[in-house]
Amino acid sequence: MAYNPKNKLRAFRRILAIYSEVKQEDIPDTFIVAKVFPKHHIYISLRTWMTIKHLDPAELQYEGDKDFVDPNQLQLF
């Protein structure tokens, strides 16, 4: 995959989607990064994961990306 802002943000959204499916109260993030993400071919460090995890939803949207639909935007209308 080419490294450009659109693909980078798409990868971040994919990682966050997998995390939200797996995350439970008793499962620590270190376990998810070390054991679950590699099953989905995601190899990142814990520091990188914390950077991705703490991004604002506005930062995850690319200006020209038409595939992304913000769920909060639909609630306004």
C-alpha atoms as a PDB file:
ATOM      1  CA  MET A   1       0.000   0.000   0.000  1.00  0.00           C
ATOM      2  CA  ALA A   2       1.324   3.413  -0.889  1.00  0.00           C
ATOM      3  CA  TYR A   3       2.055   5.813   1.908  1.00  0.00           C
ATOM      4  CA  ASN A   4      -0.246   8.730   1.329  1.00  0.00           C
ATOM      5  CA  PRO A   5      -2.685  10.408   3.721  1.00  0.00           C
ATOM      6  CA  LYS A   6      -5.765   8.678   2.335  1.00  0.00           C
ATOM      7  CA  ASN A   7      -4.375   5.152   2.711  1.00  0.00           C
ATOM      8  CA  LYS A   8      -2.815   5.960   6.069  1.00  0.00           C
ATOM      9  CA  LEU A   9      -6.135   7.124   7.523  1.00  0.00           C
ATOM     10  CA  ARG A  10      -7.952   4.176   5.951  1.00  0.00           C
ATOM     11  CA  ALA A  11      -5.494   1.822   7.693  1.00  0.00           C
ATOM     12  CA  PHE A  12      -6.007   3.663  10.992  1.00  0.00           C
ATOM     13  CA  ARG A  13      -9.781   3.264  10.695  1.00  0.00           C
ATOM     14  CA  ARG A  14      -9.342  -0.459   9.953  1.00  0.00           C
ATOM     15  CA  ILE A  15      -7.147  -0.881  13.038  1.00  0.00           C
ATOM     16  CA  LEU A  16      -9.657   0.970  15.220  1.00  0.00           C
ATOM     17  CA  ALA A  17     -12.517  -1.167  13.858  1.00  0.00           C
ATOM     18  CA  ILE A  18     -10.696  -4.379  14.754  1.00  0.00           C
ATOM     19  CA  TYR A  19      -9.884  -2.973  18.182  1.00  0.00           C
ATOM     20  CA  SER A  20     -13.511  -2.066  18.869  1.00  0.00           C
ATOM     21  CA  GLU A  21     -14.628  -5.600  17.931  1.00  0.00           C
ATOM     22  CA  VAL A  22     -12.121  -7.249  20.263  1.00  0.00           C
ATOM     23  CA  LYS A  23     -11.883  -4.870  23.217  1.00  0.00           C
ATOM     24  CA  GLN A  24     -13.536  -5.921  26.451  1.00  0.00           C
ATOM     25  CA  GLU A  25     -13.088  -4.732  30.019  1.00  0.00           C
ATOM     26  CA  ASP A  26     -10.759  -7.577  31.033  1.00  0.00           C
ATOM     27  CA  ILE A  27      -8.553  -7.592  27.900  1.00  0.00           C
ATOM     28  CA  PRO A  28      -5.593  -5.168  28.113  1.00  0.00           C
ATOM     29  CA  ASP A  29      -4.367  -3.236  25.100  1.00  0.00           C
ATOM     30  CA  THR A  30      -0.956  -4.889  25.357  1.00  0.00           C
ATOM     31  CA  PHE A  31      -2.565  -8.283  24.717  1.00  0.00           C
ATOM     32  CA  ILE A  32      -4.486  -6.953  21.724  1.00  0.00           C
ATOM     33  CA  VAL A  33      -1.370  -5.391  20.184  1.00  0.00           C
ATOM     34  CA  ALA A  34       0.760  -8.486  20.779  1.00  0.00           C
ATOM     35  CA  LYS A  35      -1.706 -11.301  20.029  1.00  0.00           C
ATOM     36  CA  VAL A  36      -4.812 -10.101  18.156  1.00  0.00           C
ATOM     37  CA  PHE A  37      -3.459  -7.530  15.709  1.00  0.00           C
ATOM     38  CA  PRO A  38      -0.852  -9.935  14.213  1.00  0.00           C
ATOM     39  CA  LYS A  39      -3.696 -12.347  13.363  1.00  0.00           C
ATOM     40  CA  HIS A  40      -5.053  -9.559  11.127  1.00  0.00           C
ATOM     41  CA  HIS A  41      -1.576  -8.817   9.674  1.00  0.00           C
ATOM     42  CA  ILE A  42      -1.183  -5.636  11.716  1.00  0.00           C
ATOM     43  CA  TYR A  43       2.284  -5.333  13.206  1.00  0.00           C
ATOM     44  CA  ILE A  44       2.614  -2.134  15.234  1.00  0.00           C
ATOM     45  CA  SER A  45       4.261  -1.171  18.491  1.00  0.00           C
ATOM     46  CA  LEU A  46       2.376  -0.217  21.614  1.00  0.00           C
ATOM     47  CA  ARG A  47       3.558   3.368  21.233  1.00  0.00           C
ATOM     48  CA  THR A  48       2.204   3.541  17.673  1.00  0.00           C
ATOM     49  CA  TRP A  49      -1.046   2.015  18.865  1.00  0.00           C
ATOM     50  CA  MET A  50      -1.441   4.663  21.581  1.00  0.00           C
ATOM     51  CA  THR A  51      -0.903   7.380  18.971  1.00  0.00           C
ATOM     52  CA  ILE A  52      -3.599   5.869  16.729  1.00  0.00           C
ATOM     53  CA  LYS A  53      -5.963   5.244  19.636  1.00  0.00           C
ATOM     54  CA  HIS A  54      -5.908   8.854  20.795  1.00  0.00           C
ATOM     55  CA  LEU A  55      -6.611  10.455  17.418  1.00  0.00           C
ATOM     56  CA  ASP A  56      -9.697  12.641  17.193  1.00  0.00           C
ATOM     57  CA  PRO A  57     -12.439  11.481  14.801  1.00  0.00           C
ATOM     58  CA  ALA A  58     -11.876  14.673  12.810  1.00  0.00           C
ATOM     59  CA  GLU A  59      -8.252  13.674  12.258  1.00  0.00           C
ATOM     60  CA  LEU A  60      -9.352  10.319  10.825  1.00  0.00           C
ATOM     61  CA  GLN A  61     -11.284  11.928   7.993  1.00  0.00           C
ATOM     62  CA  TYR A  62      -9.480  12.761   4.762  1.00  0.00           C
ATOM     63  CA  GLU A  63     -10.797  15.779   2.893  1.00  0.00           C
ATOM     64  CA  GLY A  64     -11.142  13.982  -0.446  1.00  0.00           C
ATOM     65  CA  ASP A  65     -12.177  10.565   0.934  1.00  0.00           C
ATOM     66  CA  LYS A  66     -15.705   9.772  -0.209  1.00  0.00           C
ATOM     67  CA  ASP A  67     -15.695   6.257   1.319  1.00  0.00           C
ATOM     68  CA  PHE A  68     -15.781   7.612   4.853  1.00  0.00           C
ATOM     69  CA  VAL A  69     -19.148   8.580   6.316  1.00  0.00           C
ATOM     70  CA  ASP A  70     -19.048  10.206   9.710  1.00  0.00           C
ATOM     71  CA  PRO A  71     -21.813   8.626  11.835  1.00  0.00           C
ATOM     72  CA  ASN A  72     -22.120  11.788  13.934  1.00  0.00           C
ATOM     73  CA  GLN A  73     -22.812  13.833  10.838  1.00  0.00           C
ATOM     74  CA  LEU A  74     -25.925  11.785  10.082  1.00  0.00           C
ATOM     75  CA  GLN A  75     -27.367  12.541  13.500  1.00  0.00           C
ATOM     76  CA  LEU A  76     -27.408  16.268  12.833  1.00  0.00           C
ATOM     77  CA  PHE A  77     -30.115  16.075  10.194  1.00  0.00           C
END
